Amino acid sequence: MNKLYRSKKNRIIAGVCGGIGEYFKVDPTLVRLLWLLISIVGAGSGLVAYIIAWIIIPEEP
């Protein structure tokens, strides 16, 4: 069973988007672009969600 972790090797800030990309087997760049779009359209709600995910999702062992 695949678990969701923050990526150690595919990170730019905290590895959240890299970890989500690895979990769903998609390119992390697409996840980052989608997250950026959500942040712009949602008036910063994507940034708040990123910080919460940074706190909640454990780092890859």
PDB file of N, CA and C in Angstrom:
ATOM      1  N   MET A   1       0.837  -1.180   0.000  1.00  0.00           N
ATOM      2  CA  MET A   1       0.000   0.000   0.000  1.00  0.00           C
ATOM      3  C   MET A   1       0.888   1.252   0.000  1.00  0.00           C
ATOM      4  N   ASN A   2       0.568   2.178  -0.864  1.00  0.00           N
ATOM      5  CA  ASN A   2       1.336   3.397  -1.023  1.00  0.00           C
ATOM      6  C   ASN A   2       0.895   4.429   0.012  1.00  0.00           C
ATOM      7  N   LYS A   3       1.857   5.053   0.711  1.00  0.00           N
ATOM      8  CA  LYS A   3       1.536   6.078   1.701  1.00  0.00           C
ATOM      9  C   LYS A   3       1.966   7.441   1.180  1.00  0.00           C
ATOM     10  N   LEU A   4       1.287   8.460   1.641  1.00  0.00           N
ATOM     11  CA  LEU A   4       1.593   9.826   1.243  1.00  0.00           C
ATOM     12  C   LEU A   4       2.659  10.398   2.164  1.00  0.00           C
ATOM     13  N   TYR A   5       3.776  10.815   1.569  1.00  0.00           N
ATOM     14  CA  TYR A   5       4.865  11.453   2.293  1.00  0.00           C
ATOM     15  C   TYR A   5       5.306  12.694   1.552  1.00  0.00           C
ATOM     16  N   ARG A   6       5.951  13.628   2.272  1.00  0.00           N
ATOM     17  CA  ARG A   6       6.620  14.742   1.615  1.00  0.00           C
ATOM     18  C   ARG A   6       7.916  14.201   1.026  1.00  0.00           C
ATOM     19  N   SER A   7       8.183  14.540  -0.201  1.00  0.00           N
ATOM     20  CA  SER A   7       9.338  14.007  -0.920  1.00  0.00           C
ATOM     21  C   SER A   7      10.636  14.654  -0.439  1.00  0.00           C
ATOM     22  N   LYS A   8      11.680  13.838  -0.300  1.00  0.00           N
ATOM     23  CA  LYS A   8      13.002  14.363   0.034  1.00  0.00           C
ATOM     24  C   LYS A   8      13.790  14.702  -1.221  1.00  0.00           C
ATOM     25  N   LYS A   9      13.585  13.943  -2.297  1.00  0.00           N
ATOM     26  CA  LYS A   9      14.384  14.143  -3.503  1.00  0.00           C
ATOM     27  C   LYS A   9      13.719  15.060  -4.516  1.00  0.00           C
ATOM     28  N   ASN A  10      12.419  15.229  -4.431  1.00  0.00           N
ATOM     29  CA  ASN A  10      11.685  16.013  -5.418  1.00  0.00           C
ATOM     30  C   ASN A  10      11.007  17.189  -4.721  1.00  0.00           C
ATOM     31  N   ARG A  11      11.829  18.063  -4.146  1.00  0.00           N
ATOM     32  CA  ARG A  11      11.274  19.171  -3.390  1.00  0.00           C
ATOM     33  C   ARG A  11      11.820  20.502  -3.880  1.00  0.00           C
ATOM     34  N   ILE A  12      10.997  21.517  -3.720  1.00  0.00           N
ATOM     35  CA  ILE A  12      11.433  22.881  -3.978  1.00  0.00           C
ATOM     36  C   ILE A  12      11.374  23.657  -2.671  1.00  0.00           C
ATOM     37  N   ILE A  13      10.250  23.587  -1.966  1.00  0.00           N
ATOM     38  CA  ILE A  13      10.134  24.247  -0.660  1.00  0.00           C
ATOM     39  C   ILE A  13      10.095  23.192   0.440  1.00  0.00           C
ATOM     40  N   ALA A  14       9.022  22.427   0.505  1.00  0.00           N
ATOM     41  CA  ALA A  14       8.885  21.442   1.583  1.00  0.00           C
ATOM     42  C   ALA A  14       8.660  20.029   1.074  1.00  0.00           C
ATOM     43  N   GLY A  15       8.494  19.850  -0.217  1.00  0.00           N
ATOM     44  CA  GLY A  15       8.292  18.520  -0.772  1.00  0.00           C
ATOM     45  C   GLY A  15       6.852  18.066  -0.820  1.00  0.00           C
ATOM     46  N   VAL A  16       5.923  18.963  -0.537  1.00  0.00           N
ATOM     47  CA  VAL A  16       4.498  18.601  -0.534  1.00  0.00           C
ATOM     48  C   VAL A  16       4.036  18.228  -1.935  1.00  0.00           C
ATOM     49  N   CYS A  17       4.272  19.084  -2.910  1.00  0.00           N
ATOM     50  CA  CYS A  17       3.828  18.805  -4.282  1.00  0.00           C
ATOM     51  C   CYS A  17       4.562  17.607  -4.867  1.00  0.00           C
ATOM     52  N   GLY A  18       5.846  17.462  -4.542  1.00  0.00           N
ATOM     53  CA  GLY A  18       6.599  16.303  -5.005  1.00  0.00           C
ATOM     54  C   GLY A  18       6.038  15.015  -4.434  1.00  0.00           C
ATOM     55  N   GLY A  19       5.671  15.038  -3.166  1.00  0.00           N
ATOM     56  CA  GLY A  19       5.089  13.861  -2.532  1.00  0.00           C
ATOM     57  C   GLY A  19       3.720  13.513  -3.093  1.00  0.00           C
ATOM     58  N   ILE A  20       2.916  14.529  -3.355  1.00  0.00           N
ATOM     59  CA  ILE A  20       1.593  14.289  -3.939  1.00  0.00           C
ATOM     60  C   ILE A  20       1.749  13.739  -5.357  1.00  0.00           C
ATOM     61  N   GLY A  21       2.698  14.268  -6.111  1.00  0.00           N
ATOM     62  CA  GLY A  21       2.951  13.765  -7.456  1.00  0.00           C
ATOM     63  C   GLY A  21       3.401  12.314  -7.448  1.00  0.00           C
ATOM     64  N   GLU A  22       4.282  11.957  -6.513  1.00  0.00           N
ATOM     65  CA  GLU A  22       4.733  10.570  -6.407  1.00  0.00           C
ATOM     66  C   GLU A  22       3.589   9.648  -5.974  1.00  0.00           C
ATOM     67  N   TYR A  23       2.734  10.122  -5.085  1.00  0.00           N
ATOM     68  CA  TYR A  23       1.619   9.311  -4.590  1.00  0.00           C
ATOM     69  C   TYR A  23       0.631   8.985  -5.711  1.00  0.00           C
ATOM     70  N   PHE A  24       0.292   9.989  -6.525  1.00  0.00           N
ATOM     71  CA  PHE A  24      -0.666   9.790  -7.606  1.00  0.00           C
ATOM     72  C   PHE A  24      -0.010   9.407  -8.928  1.00  0.00           C
ATOM     73  N   LYS A  25       1.321   9.270  -8.933  1.00  0.00           N
ATOM     74  CA  LYS A  25       2.093   8.867 -10.122  1.00  0.00           C
ATOM     75  C   LYS A  25       1.888   9.835 -11.302  1.00  0.00           C
ATOM     76  N   VAL A  26       1.965  11.123 -10.987  1.00  0.00           N
ATOM     77  CA  VAL A  26       1.932  12.175 -12.008  1.00  0.00           C
ATOM     78  C   VAL A  26       3.172  13.042 -11.826  1.00  0.00           C
ATOM     79  N   ASP A  27       3.466  13.825 -12.837  1.00  0.00           N
ATOM     80  CA  ASP A  27       4.619  14.708 -12.782  1.00  0.00           C
ATOM     81  C   ASP A  27       4.403  15.780 -11.705  1.00  0.00           C
ATOM     82  N   PRO A  28       5.330  15.932 -10.759  1.00  0.00           N
ATOM     83  CA  PRO A  28       5.174  16.944  -9.715  1.00  0.00           C
ATOM     84  C   PRO A  28       5.064  18.367 -10.249  1.00  0.00           C
ATOM     85  N   THR A  29       5.600  18.616 -11.446  1.00  0.00           N
ATOM     86  CA  THR A  29       5.467  19.941 -12.039  1.00  0.00           C
ATOM     87  C   THR A  29       4.006  20.265 -12.308  1.00  0.00           C
ATOM     88  N   LEU A  30       3.233  19.281 -12.748  1.00  0.00           N
ATOM     89  CA  LEU A  30       1.797  19.494 -12.959  1.00  0.00           C
ATOM     90  C   LEU A  30       1.086  19.793 -11.641  1.00  0.00           C
ATOM     91  N   VAL A  31       1.484  19.101 -10.589  1.00  0.00           N
ATOM     92  CA  VAL A  31       0.892  19.355  -9.269  1.00  0.00           C
ATOM     93  C   VAL A  31       1.228  20.774  -8.819  1.00  0.00           C
ATOM     94  N   ARG A  32       2.467  21.189  -9.039  1.00  0.00           N
ATOM     95  CA  ARG A  32       2.877  22.549  -8.665  1.00  0.00           C
ATOM     96  C   ARG A  32       2.108  23.607  -9.446  1.00  0.00           C
ATOM     97  N   LEU A  33       1.924  23.388 -10.738  1.00  0.00           N
ATOM     98  CA  LEU A  33       1.168  24.346 -11.548  1.00  0.00           C
ATOM     99  C   LEU A  33      -0.291  24.417 -11.125  1.00  0.00           C
ATOM    100  N   LEU A  34      -0.874  23.263 -10.817  1.00  0.00           N
ATOM    101  CA  LEU A  34      -2.257  23.239 -10.341  1.00  0.00           C
ATOM    102  C   LEU A  34      -2.366  23.962  -9.005  1.00  0.00           C
ATOM    103  N   TRP A  35      -1.405  23.740  -8.117  1.00  0.00           N
ATOM    104  CA  TRP A  35      -1.417  24.393  -6.815  1.00  0.00           C
ATOM    105  C   TRP A  35      -1.265  25.908  -6.972  1.00  0.00           C
ATOM    106  N   LEU A  36      -0.424  26.336  -7.910  1.00  0.00           N
ATOM    107  CA  LEU A  36      -0.260  27.760  -8.182  1.00  0.00           C
ATOM    108  C   LEU A  36      -1.556  28.363  -8.703  1.00  0.00           C
ATOM    109  N   LEU A  37      -2.224  27.662  -9.601  1.00  0.00           N
ATOM    110  CA  LEU A  37      -3.500  28.125 -10.129  1.00  0.00           C
ATOM    111  C   LEU A  37      -4.544  28.259  -9.027  1.00  0.00           C
ATOM    112  N   ILE A  38      -4.600  27.276  -8.147  1.00  0.00           N
ATOM    113  CA  ILE A  38      -5.537  27.327  -7.018  1.00  0.00           C
ATOM    114  C   ILE A  38      -5.207  28.511  -6.112  1.00  0.00           C
ATOM    115  N   SER A  39      -3.919  28.777  -5.903  1.00  0.00           N
ATOM    116  CA  SER A  39      -3.516  29.895  -5.060  1.00  0.00           C
ATOM    117  C   SER A  39      -3.918  31.236  -5.655  1.00  0.00           C
ATOM    118  N   ILE A  40      -3.776  31.351  -6.968  1.00  0.00           N
ATOM    119  CA  ILE A  40      -4.112  32.621  -7.628  1.00  0.00           C
ATOM    120  C   ILE A  40      -5.624  32.824  -7.669  1.00  0.00           C
ATOM    121  N   VAL A  41      -6.346  31.807  -8.104  1.00  0.00           N
ATOM    122  CA  VAL A  41      -7.800  31.921  -8.246  1.00  0.00           C
ATOM    123  C   VAL A  41      -8.480  31.984  -6.883  1.00  0.00           C
ATOM    124  N   GLY A  42      -7.963  31.238  -5.931  1.00  0.00           N
ATOM    125  CA  GLY A  42      -8.592  31.155  -4.616  1.00  0.00           C
ATOM    126  C   GLY A  42      -8.136  32.217  -3.644  1.00  0.00           C
ATOM    127  N   ALA A  43      -7.499  33.273  -4.113  1.00  0.00           N
ATOM    128  CA  ALA A  43      -7.076  34.404  -3.284  1.00  0.00           C
ATOM    129  C   ALA A  43      -6.206  33.965  -2.105  1.00  0.00           C
ATOM    130  N   GLY A  44      -5.250  33.080  -2.376  1.00  0.00           N
ATOM    131  CA  GLY A  44      -4.312  32.677  -1.349  1.00  0.00           C
ATOM    132  C   GLY A  44      -4.693  31.438  -0.570  1.00  0.00           C
ATOM    133  N   SER A  45      -5.841  30.853  -0.878  1.00  0.00           N
ATOM    134  CA  SER A  45      -6.258  29.657  -0.140  1.00  0.00           C
ATOM    135  C   SER A  45      -5.325  28.480  -0.418  1.00  0.00           C
ATOM    136  N   GLY A  46      -4.698  28.458  -1.588  1.00  0.00           N
ATOM    137  CA  GLY A  46      -3.738  27.413  -1.903  1.00  0.00           C
ATOM    138  C   GLY A  46      -2.502  27.503  -1.025  1.00  0.00           C
ATOM    139  N   LEU A  47      -2.096  28.712  -0.682  1.00  0.00           N
ATOM    140  CA  LEU A  47      -0.951  28.910   0.205  1.00  0.00           C
ATOM    141  C   LEU A  47      -1.255  28.395   1.607  1.00  0.00           C
ATOM    142  N   VAL A  48      -2.436  28.684   2.090  1.00  0.00           N
ATOM    143  CA  VAL A  48      -2.858  28.189   3.407  1.00  0.00           C
ATOM    144  C   VAL A  48      -2.928  26.663   3.390  1.00  0.00           C
ATOM    145  N   ALA A  49      -3.471  26.092   2.331  1.00  0.00           N
ATOM    146  CA  ALA A  49      -3.567  24.640   2.209  1.00  0.00           C
ATOM    147  C   ALA A  49      -2.177  24.017   2.139  1.00  0.00           C
ATOM    148  N   TYR A  50      -1.230  24.685   1.477  1.00  0.00           N
ATOM    149  CA  TYR A  50       0.141  24.171   1.386  1.00  0.00           C
ATOM    150  C   TYR A  50       0.784  24.130   2.768  1.00  0.00           C
ATOM    151  N   ILE A  51       0.615  25.174   3.533  1.00  0.00           N
ATOM    152  CA  ILE A  51       1.191  25.228   4.876  1.00  0.00           C
ATOM    153  C   ILE A  51       0.586  24.155   5.767  1.00  0.00           C
ATOM    154  N   ILE A  52      -0.719  23.956   5.665  1.00  0.00           N
ATOM    155  CA  ILE A  52      -1.376  22.900   6.448  1.00  0.00           C
ATOM    156  C   ILE A  52      -0.860  21.530   6.020  1.00  0.00           C
ATOM    157  N   ALA A  53      -0.712  21.312   4.711  1.00  0.00           N
ATOM    158  CA  ALA A  53      -0.189  20.034   4.218  1.00  0.00           C
ATOM    159  C   ALA A  53       1.250  19.834   4.680  1.00  0.00           C
ATOM    160  N   TRP A  54       2.032  20.901   4.736  1.00  0.00           N
ATOM    161  CA  TRP A  54       3.411  20.845   5.199  1.00  0.00           C
ATOM    162  C   TRP A  54       3.466  20.345   6.642  1.00  0.00           C
ATOM    163  N   ILE A  55       2.522  20.785   7.443  1.00  0.00           N
ATOM    164  CA  ILE A  55       2.471  20.395   8.853  1.00  0.00           C
ATOM    165  C   ILE A  55       1.946  18.966   9.019  1.00  0.00           C
ATOM    166  N   ILE A  56       0.927  18.591   8.250  1.00  0.00           N
ATOM    167  CA  ILE A  56       0.231  17.320   8.443  1.00  0.00           C
ATOM    168  C   ILE A  56       0.966  16.145   7.795  1.00  0.00           C
ATOM    169  N   ILE A  57       1.454  16.293   6.571  1.00  0.00           N
ATOM    170  CA  ILE A  57       2.059  15.187   5.832  1.00  0.00           C
ATOM    171  C   ILE A  57       3.469  14.925   6.366  1.00  0.00           C
ATOM    172  N   PRO A  58       3.742  13.695   6.801  1.00  0.00           N
ATOM    173  CA  PRO A  58       5.088  13.396   7.324  1.00  0.00           C
ATOM    174  C   PRO A  58       6.133  13.338   6.213  1.00  0.00           C
ATOM    175  N   GLU A  59       7.397  13.582   6.598  1.00  0.00           N
ATOM    176  CA  GLU A  59       8.483  13.521   5.624  1.00  0.00           C
ATOM    177  C   GLU A  59       8.831  12.064   5.326  1.00  0.00           C
ATOM    178  N   GLU A  60       9.259  11.833   4.111  1.00  0.00           N
ATOM    179  CA  GLU A  60       9.630  10.502   3.648  1.00  0.00           C
ATOM    180  C   GLU A  60      10.731   9.927   4.538  1.00  0.00           C
ATOM    181  N   PRO A  61      10.583   8.669   4.978  1.00  0.00           N
ATOM    182  CA  PRO A  61      11.610   8.090   5.857  1.00  0.00           C
ATOM    183  C   PRO A  61      12.906   7.797   5.109  1.00  0.00           C
TER     184      PRO A  61
END
